[in-house]
Amino acid sequence: MIVEQWKRFSDRAKWSWEGWCMIWREEASLQQWVWANAASFALAMVLDLSTAERALIVALGILVLAAECYNTAIERCIDYFSPAYHPLAKAAKDAGSAGVTITAIAAGAAWVIILIG
């Protein structure tokens, strides 16, 4: 039983890594968010912030990366079914993009609130 659970865990980790690598190769926006997160993390570490404030900044940055992964998944599914333009396909892609934007706004709002006090 433990061996089977370990196998399932290791398979999921492998597939997640493969997904991350694919998005990293094919989506410049993920790379941009990684660099933005690196800068955000560095700034959070040098500023006089509490542990909770730093954790919030880092966690929200990671959520932006997750949102970008979900957005890429939405785009890939739509493109798989049809590369042709369709208003519903556009709406789904735009909604995925909006999800990334809203997550990024949440991260930016946290920074503003923490810095203002």
N, C-alpha and C. Protein backbone atom coordinates (compact mmCIF):
# COMPACT_ATOMS: atom_id res chain seq x y z
N MET A 1 0.82 -1.20 0.00
CA MET A 1 0.00 0.00 0.00
C MET A 1 0.87 1.26 0.00
N ILE A 2 1.88 1.30 0.82
CA ILE A 2 2.76 2.47 0.87
C ILE A 2 3.51 2.63 -0.44
N VAL A 3 3.93 1.51 -1.03
CA VAL A 3 4.64 1.56 -2.30
C VAL A 3 3.72 2.13 -3.38
N GLU A 4 2.45 1.70 -3.40
CA GLU A 4 1.49 2.20 -4.38
C GLU A 4 1.24 3.70 -4.19
N GLN A 5 1.11 4.12 -2.96
CA GLN A 5 0.90 5.55 -2.69
C GLN A 5 2.12 6.36 -3.10
N TRP A 6 3.29 5.85 -2.82
CA TRP A 6 4.51 6.55 -3.22
C TRP A 6 4.59 6.66 -4.74
N LYS A 7 4.22 5.59 -5.44
CA LYS A 7 4.25 5.60 -6.90
C LYS A 7 3.29 6.66 -7.44
N ARG A 8 2.08 6.73 -6.87
CA ARG A 8 1.11 7.73 -7.32
C ARG A 8 1.63 9.14 -7.02
N PHE A 9 2.22 9.33 -5.85
CA PHE A 9 2.78 10.65 -5.51
C PHE A 9 3.91 11.02 -6.47
N SER A 10 4.81 10.08 -6.72
CA SER A 10 5.94 10.39 -7.60
C SER A 10 5.47 10.64 -9.03
N ASP A 11 4.44 9.92 -9.49
CA ASP A 11 3.88 10.19 -10.82
C ASP A 11 3.31 11.60 -10.89
N ARG A 12 2.55 11.99 -9.88
CA ARG A 12 1.97 13.35 -9.88
C ARG A 12 3.06 14.41 -9.86
N ALA A 13 4.10 14.18 -9.08
CA ALA A 13 5.21 15.14 -9.04
C ALA A 13 5.89 15.24 -10.40
N LYS A 14 6.07 14.10 -11.05
CA LYS A 14 6.70 14.08 -12.39
C LYS A 14 5.84 14.84 -13.39
N TRP A 15 4.54 14.57 -13.38
CA TRP A 15 3.65 15.24 -14.33
C TRP A 15 3.57 16.74 -14.07
N SER A 16 3.58 17.12 -12.79
CA SER A 16 3.57 18.54 -12.46
C SER A 16 4.84 19.22 -12.96
N TRP A 17 5.96 18.57 -12.77
CA TRP A 17 7.23 19.13 -13.24
C TRP A 17 7.24 19.26 -14.76
N GLU A 18 6.73 18.25 -15.45
CA GLU A 18 6.65 18.31 -16.91
C GLU A 18 5.75 19.46 -17.35
N GLY A 19 4.64 19.67 -16.65
CA GLY A 19 3.76 20.79 -16.97
C GLY A 19 4.45 22.12 -16.75
N TRP A 20 5.16 22.26 -15.62
CA TRP A 20 5.89 23.48 -15.33
C TRP A 20 6.92 23.76 -16.42
N CYS A 21 7.68 22.73 -16.80
CA CYS A 21 8.72 22.92 -17.83
C CYS A 21 8.12 23.32 -19.17
N MET A 22 6.97 22.73 -19.52
CA MET A 22 6.32 23.10 -20.78
C MET A 22 5.88 24.56 -20.74
N ILE A 23 5.26 24.97 -19.65
CA ILE A 23 4.80 26.36 -19.56
C ILE A 23 6.00 27.30 -19.56
N TRP A 24 7.06 26.93 -18.86
CA TRP A 24 8.27 27.77 -18.83
C TRP A 24 8.83 27.96 -20.24
N ARG A 25 8.86 26.89 -21.02
CA ARG A 25 9.39 26.96 -22.39
C ARG A 25 8.51 27.78 -23.32
N GLU A 26 7.19 27.64 -23.16
CA GLU A 26 6.26 28.16 -24.16
C GLU A 26 5.54 29.45 -23.79
N GLU A 27 5.60 29.86 -22.55
CA GLU A 27 4.86 31.05 -22.11
C GLU A 27 5.81 32.08 -21.50
N ALA A 28 6.08 33.12 -22.25
CA ALA A 28 6.96 34.19 -21.74
C ALA A 28 6.35 34.84 -20.51
N SER A 29 5.03 34.85 -20.42
CA SER A 29 4.39 35.49 -19.28
C SER A 29 4.76 34.78 -17.97
N LEU A 30 4.91 33.46 -17.99
CA LEU A 30 5.32 32.76 -16.77
C LEU A 30 6.72 33.19 -16.37
N GLN A 31 7.60 33.29 -17.33
CA GLN A 31 8.97 33.72 -17.03
C GLN A 31 8.96 35.13 -16.45
N GLN A 32 8.13 36.01 -17.00
CA GLN A 32 8.05 37.38 -16.47
C GLN A 32 7.55 37.38 -15.03
N TRP A 33 6.54 36.54 -14.73
CA TRP A 33 6.03 36.47 -13.37
C TRP A 33 7.06 35.88 -12.42
N VAL A 34 7.86 34.93 -12.89
CA VAL A 34 8.91 34.37 -12.03
C VAL A 34 9.91 35.46 -11.66
N TRP A 35 10.31 36.26 -12.64
CA TRP A 35 11.26 37.34 -12.35
C TRP A 35 10.64 38.40 -11.45
N ALA A 36 9.37 38.71 -11.66
CA ALA A 36 8.67 39.66 -10.78
C ALA A 36 8.61 39.11 -9.35
N ASN A 37 8.37 37.80 -9.24
CA ASN A 37 8.35 37.19 -7.91
C ASN A 37 9.72 37.19 -7.26
N ALA A 38 10.75 36.98 -8.05
CA ALA A 38 12.11 37.01 -7.49
C ALA A 38 12.42 38.39 -6.93
N ALA A 39 12.05 39.43 -7.67
CA ALA A 39 12.26 40.80 -7.19
C ALA A 39 11.41 41.08 -5.95
N SER A 40 10.16 40.63 -5.98
CA SER A 40 9.26 40.83 -4.85
C SER A 40 9.79 40.12 -3.60
N PHE A 41 10.25 38.90 -3.79
CA PHE A 41 10.81 38.13 -2.68
C PHE A 41 12.04 38.83 -2.10
N ALA A 42 12.93 39.25 -2.97
CA ALA A 42 14.15 39.93 -2.50
C ALA A 42 13.79 41.19 -1.73
N LEU A 43 12.86 41.97 -2.24
CA LEU A 43 12.44 43.19 -1.55
C LEU A 43 11.81 42.87 -0.21
N ALA A 44 10.98 41.84 -0.18
CA ALA A 44 10.34 41.45 1.08
C ALA A 44 11.37 41.01 2.12
N MET A 45 12.48 40.45 1.67
CA MET A 45 13.50 39.99 2.61
C MET A 45 14.36 41.14 3.15
N VAL A 46 14.53 42.20 2.37
CA VAL A 46 15.39 43.30 2.84
C VAL A 46 14.62 44.37 3.59
N LEU A 47 13.33 44.49 3.35
CA LEU A 47 12.53 45.48 4.08
C LEU A 47 12.22 44.97 5.48
N ASP A 48 11.93 45.91 6.36
CA ASP A 48 11.60 45.57 7.74
C ASP A 48 10.13 45.14 7.81
N LEU A 49 9.88 43.89 7.43
CA LEU A 49 8.52 43.34 7.42
C LEU A 49 8.43 42.22 8.45
N SER A 50 7.22 41.98 8.91
CA SER A 50 7.01 40.86 9.83
C SER A 50 7.05 39.55 9.04
N THR A 51 7.18 38.47 9.77
CA THR A 51 7.16 37.16 9.14
C THR A 51 5.84 36.93 8.41
N ALA A 52 4.74 37.34 9.00
CA ALA A 52 3.42 37.18 8.37
C ALA A 52 3.33 38.00 7.09
N GLU A 53 3.86 39.21 7.10
CA GLU A 53 3.82 40.04 5.89
C GLU A 53 4.66 39.41 4.78
N ARG A 54 5.83 38.91 5.14
CA ARG A 54 6.67 38.24 4.14
C ARG A 54 5.97 37.00 3.59
N ALA A 55 5.36 36.23 4.47
CA ALA A 55 4.65 35.02 4.04
C ALA A 55 3.52 35.37 3.08
N LEU A 56 2.79 36.43 3.38
CA LEU A 56 1.69 36.86 2.51
C LEU A 56 2.21 37.25 1.13
N ILE A 57 3.27 38.02 1.10
CA ILE A 57 3.85 38.46 -0.18
C ILE A 57 4.30 37.25 -1.00
N VAL A 58 5.02 36.33 -0.37
CA VAL A 58 5.52 35.15 -1.09
C VAL A 58 4.36 34.27 -1.55
N ALA A 59 3.39 34.03 -0.67
CA ALA A 59 2.26 33.17 -1.02
C ALA A 59 1.45 33.75 -2.18
N LEU A 60 1.20 35.04 -2.14
CA LEU A 60 0.44 35.65 -3.24
C LEU A 60 1.21 35.60 -4.55
N GLY A 61 2.52 35.77 -4.48
CA GLY A 61 3.34 35.64 -5.69
C GLY A 61 3.25 34.24 -6.27
N ILE A 62 3.28 33.24 -5.41
CA ILE A 62 3.16 31.86 -5.88
C ILE A 62 1.78 31.62 -6.48
N LEU A 63 0.75 32.22 -5.90
CA LEU A 63 -0.60 32.08 -6.46
C LEU A 63 -0.70 32.70 -7.84
N VAL A 64 0.04 33.77 -8.10
CA VAL A 64 0.06 34.34 -9.45
C VAL A 64 0.62 33.31 -10.43
N LEU A 65 1.67 32.60 -10.02
CA LEU A 65 2.24 31.56 -10.88
C LEU A 65 1.23 30.44 -11.12
N ALA A 66 0.50 30.06 -10.08
CA ALA A 66 -0.53 29.03 -10.25
C ALA A 66 -1.61 29.50 -11.21
N ALA A 67 -2.04 30.75 -11.07
CA ALA A 67 -3.06 31.29 -11.97
C ALA A 67 -2.57 31.27 -13.41
N GLU A 68 -1.32 31.58 -13.62
CA GLU A 68 -0.75 31.54 -14.97
C GLU A 68 -0.76 30.11 -15.52
N CYS A 69 -0.50 29.14 -14.67
CA CYS A 69 -0.56 27.74 -15.10
C CYS A 69 -1.98 27.36 -15.49
N TYR A 70 -2.97 27.75 -14.69
CA TYR A 70 -4.37 27.46 -15.02
C TYR A 70 -4.76 28.15 -16.33
N ASN A 71 -4.33 29.39 -16.50
CA ASN A 71 -4.65 30.12 -17.72
C ASN A 71 -4.07 29.40 -18.94
N THR A 72 -2.84 28.92 -18.82
CA THR A 72 -2.23 28.18 -19.92
C THR A 72 -3.02 26.91 -20.21
N ALA A 73 -3.48 26.22 -19.17
CA ALA A 73 -4.27 25.00 -19.36
C ALA A 73 -5.56 25.31 -20.12
N ILE A 74 -6.22 26.40 -19.76
CA ILE A 74 -7.44 26.80 -20.46
C ILE A 74 -7.14 27.06 -21.94
N GLU A 75 -6.08 27.82 -22.19
CA GLU A 75 -5.72 28.15 -23.57
C GLU A 75 -5.41 26.90 -24.38
N ARG A 76 -4.67 25.97 -23.78
CA ARG A 76 -4.30 24.74 -24.50
C ARG A 76 -5.53 23.91 -24.83
N CYS A 77 -6.46 23.80 -23.88
CA CYS A 77 -7.68 23.01 -24.13
C CYS A 77 -8.49 23.62 -25.26
N ILE A 78 -8.64 24.91 -25.25
CA ILE A 78 -9.42 25.57 -26.30
C ILE A 78 -8.74 25.40 -27.65
N ASP A 79 -7.43 25.59 -27.69
CA ASP A 79 -6.71 25.44 -28.96
C ASP A 79 -6.74 24.00 -29.46
N TYR A 80 -6.81 23.03 -28.55
CA TYR A 80 -6.88 21.62 -28.95
C TYR A 80 -8.19 21.35 -29.68
N PHE A 81 -9.28 21.89 -29.16
CA PHE A 81 -10.58 21.62 -29.77
C PHE A 81 -10.78 22.37 -31.08
N SER A 82 -10.26 23.58 -31.16
CA SER A 82 -10.39 24.31 -32.41
C SER A 82 -9.50 25.54 -32.41
N PRO A 83 -8.64 25.66 -33.41
CA PRO A 83 -7.83 26.88 -33.52
C PRO A 83 -8.61 28.05 -34.12
N ALA A 84 -9.80 27.76 -34.63
CA ALA A 84 -10.62 28.81 -35.25
C ALA A 84 -11.17 29.75 -34.20
N TYR A 85 -11.39 30.99 -34.61
CA TYR A 85 -11.97 31.97 -33.69
C TYR A 85 -13.42 31.60 -33.38
N HIS A 86 -13.74 31.72 -32.11
CA HIS A 86 -15.13 31.57 -31.68
C HIS A 86 -15.32 32.48 -30.47
N PRO A 87 -16.45 33.18 -30.38
CA PRO A 87 -16.65 34.11 -29.26
C PRO A 87 -16.58 33.42 -27.89
N LEU A 88 -17.04 32.19 -27.79
CA LEU A 88 -16.97 31.49 -26.50
C LEU A 88 -15.51 31.13 -26.15
N ALA A 89 -14.74 30.76 -27.17
CA ALA A 89 -13.33 30.46 -26.93
C ALA A 89 -12.60 31.73 -26.47
N LYS A 90 -12.89 32.84 -27.12
CA LYS A 90 -12.30 34.11 -26.71
C LYS A 90 -12.70 34.45 -25.28
N ALA A 91 -13.98 34.26 -24.97
CA ALA A 91 -14.45 34.58 -23.61
C ALA A 91 -13.74 33.72 -22.57
N ALA A 92 -13.54 32.44 -22.86
CA ALA A 92 -12.85 31.55 -21.91
C ALA A 92 -11.40 31.97 -21.72
N LYS A 93 -10.72 32.28 -22.84
CA LYS A 93 -9.33 32.72 -22.74
C LYS A 93 -9.22 34.05 -21.99
N ASP A 94 -10.14 34.96 -22.27
CA ASP A 94 -10.13 36.26 -21.59
C ASP A 94 -10.40 36.08 -20.09
N ALA A 95 -11.30 35.16 -19.75
CA ALA A 95 -11.60 34.91 -18.34
C ALA A 95 -10.38 34.34 -17.62
N GLY A 96 -9.65 33.44 -18.29
CA GLY A 96 -8.43 32.90 -17.70
C GLY A 96 -7.40 34.00 -17.48
N SER A 97 -7.26 34.88 -18.45
CA SER A 97 -6.34 36.00 -18.32
C SER A 97 -6.76 36.93 -17.20
N ALA A 98 -8.07 37.15 -17.08
CA ALA A 98 -8.57 37.98 -15.99
C ALA A 98 -8.24 37.37 -14.63
N GLY A 99 -8.29 36.05 -14.56
CA GLY A 99 -7.93 35.38 -13.30
C GLY A 99 -6.49 35.66 -12.90
N VAL A 100 -5.59 35.64 -13.87
CA VAL A 100 -4.19 35.98 -13.60
C VAL A 100 -4.09 37.43 -13.14
N THR A 101 -4.77 38.32 -13.84
CA THR A 101 -4.72 39.74 -13.51
C THR A 101 -5.26 40.01 -12.11
N ILE A 102 -6.39 39.40 -11.77
CA ILE A 102 -6.97 39.62 -10.44
C ILE A 102 -6.05 39.10 -9.35
N THR A 103 -5.42 37.96 -9.59
CA THR A 103 -4.46 37.42 -8.61
C THR A 103 -3.27 38.36 -8.46
N ALA A 104 -2.79 38.91 -9.57
CA ALA A 104 -1.67 39.85 -9.51
C ALA A 104 -2.08 41.14 -8.79
N ILE A 105 -3.31 41.59 -9.02
CA ILE A 105 -3.79 42.78 -8.31
C ILE A 105 -3.84 42.53 -6.81
N ALA A 106 -4.25 41.32 -6.42
CA ALA A 106 -4.28 40.98 -4.99
C ALA A 106 -2.87 41.06 -4.40
N ALA A 107 -1.89 40.56 -5.14
CA ALA A 107 -0.51 40.63 -4.66
C ALA A 107 -0.03 42.08 -4.57
N GLY A 108 -0.35 42.86 -5.58
CA GLY A 108 0.02 44.28 -5.55
C GLY A 108 -0.68 45.04 -4.43
N ALA A 109 -1.96 44.73 -4.19
CA ALA A 109 -2.71 45.38 -3.11
C ALA A 109 -2.09 45.04 -1.76
N ALA A 110 -1.67 43.79 -1.60
CA ALA A 110 -1.02 43.41 -0.35
C ALA A 110 0.25 44.23 -0.13
N TRP A 111 1.04 44.39 -1.19
CA TRP A 111 2.26 45.20 -1.08
C TRP A 111 1.90 46.64 -0.67
N VAL A 112 0.92 47.22 -1.31
CA VAL A 112 0.54 48.60 -1.01
C VAL A 112 0.09 48.72 0.44
N ILE A 113 -0.77 47.82 0.88
CA ILE A 113 -1.28 47.88 2.25
C ILE A 113 -0.16 47.68 3.26
N ILE A 114 0.74 46.76 2.99
CA ILE A 114 1.86 46.53 3.91
C ILE A 114 2.78 47.74 3.96
N LEU A 115 3.07 48.34 2.81
CA LEU A 115 3.98 49.48 2.79
C LEU A 115 3.37 50.74 3.40
N ILE A 116 2.07 50.93 3.18
CA ILE A 116 1.41 52.12 3.75
C ILE A 116 1.21 51.95 5.26
N GLY A 117 0.93 50.71 5.65
CA GLY A 117 0.79 50.45 7.09
C GLY A 117 -0.57 50.40 7.55
